[in-house]
Protein backbone atom coordinates (compact mmCIF):
# COMPACT_ATOMS: atom_id res chain seq x y z
CA UNK A 1 -1.62 -9.79 -3.50
CA UNK A 2 -3.76 -6.47 -3.19
CA UNK A 3 -4.29 -5.49 0.36
CA UNK A 4 -4.66 -2.08 2.26
CA UNK A 5 -2.79 -1.08 5.12
CA UNK A 6 -2.67 2.02 7.35
CA UNK A 7 1.01 3.40 7.75
CA UNK A 8 1.98 4.18 11.31
CA UNK A 9 4.75 6.51 10.46
CA UNK A 10 5.88 8.85 7.86
CA UNK A 11 7.26 6.93 4.95
CA UNK A 12 9.43 7.84 1.98
CA UNK A 13 8.50 6.46 -1.19
CA UNK A 14 9.80 6.86 -5.24
CA UNK A 15 7.62 7.48 -7.87
CA UNK A 16 7.77 5.09 -10.96
CA UNK A 17 8.07 7.47 -13.74
CA UNK A 18 10.23 6.28 -16.81
CA UNK A 19 12.54 9.19 -16.99
CA UNK A 20 12.18 11.15 -14.00
CA UNK A 21 11.65 9.64 -10.58
CA UNK A 22 10.91 11.60 -7.40
CA UNK A 23 11.09 10.95 -3.78
CA UNK A 24 7.68 11.74 -1.94
CA UNK A 25 6.69 11.53 1.60
CA UNK A 26 3.59 9.57 2.85
CA UNK A 27 2.35 10.97 5.84
CA UNK A 28 1.70 8.93 8.86
CA UNK A 29 -2.23 7.69 8.96
CA UNK A 30 -2.46 7.19 5.25
CA UNK A 31 -3.60 4.26 3.77
CA UNK A 32 -1.93 2.55 0.98
CA UNK A 33 -2.72 -0.24 -1.34
CA UNK A 34 0.05 -2.85 -1.64
CA UNK A 35 0.20 -4.26 -5.35
CA UNK A 36 3.17 -6.66 -4.55
CA UNK A 37 6.95 -6.87 -4.88
CA UNK A 38 8.94 -4.72 -7.17
CA UNK A 39 9.58 -6.88 -10.32
CA UNK A 40 13.24 -5.00 -10.68
CA UNK A 41 14.34 -4.71 -7.04
CA UNK A 42 13.39 -7.17 -4.26
CA UNK A 43 14.18 -4.61 -1.67
CA UNK A 44 10.84 -2.45 -2.75
CA UNK A 45 7.08 -3.03 -2.68
CA UNK A 46 4.80 -1.43 -4.75
CA UNK A 47 1.92 0.38 -3.44
CA UNK A 48 -0.84 2.89 -4.87
CA UNK A 49 -1.34 6.14 -2.67
CA UNK A 50 -3.37 9.39 -3.81
CA UNK A 51 -3.51 7.87 -7.19
CA UNK A 52 0.06 7.37 -7.51
CA UNK A 53 1.91 4.07 -8.10
CA UNK A 54 4.91 4.28 -5.67
CA UNK A 55 7.64 2.06 -4.41
CA UNK A 56 8.68 1.92 -0.88
CA UNK A 57 11.21 -0.44 0.86
CA UNK A 58 9.58 -3.36 2.13
CA UNK A 59 10.90 -3.34 5.74
CA UNK A 60 9.15 0.06 6.00
CA UNK A 61 5.87 -1.49 5.10
CA UNK A 62 6.38 -4.36 7.27
CA UNK A 63 7.61 -2.41 10.58
CA UNK A 64 5.49 0.73 9.86
CA UNK A 65 2.13 -0.49 8.89
CA UNK A 66 -0.99 -2.07 10.25
CA UNK A 67 -3.79 -3.86 8.21
CA UNK A 68 -7.07 -2.25 7.54
CA UNK A 69 -10.08 -4.32 7.69
CA UNK A 70 -12.07 -4.11 4.37
CA UNK A 71 -15.63 -5.10 4.84
CA UNK A 72 -17.70 -6.39 1.83
CA UNK A 73 -21.18 -6.31 1.41
CA UNK A 74 -23.63 -8.20 -0.91
CA UNK A 75 -26.30 -6.60 -3.35
CA UNK A 76 -28.93 -6.84 -0.29
CA UNK A 77 -26.54 -4.85 1.73
CA UNK A 78 -25.60 -7.68 4.16
CA UNK A 79 -22.00 -8.08 5.08
CA UNK A 80 -20.26 -10.80 3.54
CA UNK A 81 -18.09 -12.56 6.05
CA UNK A 82 -15.02 -14.45 4.82
CA UNK A 83 -14.74 -18.32 6.11
CA UNK A 84 -11.45 -18.99 7.82
């Protein structure tokens, strides 16, 4: 399910530490990679941002982000266009 999106507004997130969890603020305009739904709480989505694995509310991601088009290239440097 991994995909990248850009946040359109500042978003609160929770670190995934075992003992200590912290709230961090992800600035608007930041790109995050969506990993998938949290295994322990359906309200949250797990993302990667700034080399940190974080949880954000799924509704915040749905209402406050836009998809980022990721371009892929083959070994010859030509763009790979996905069918469909």
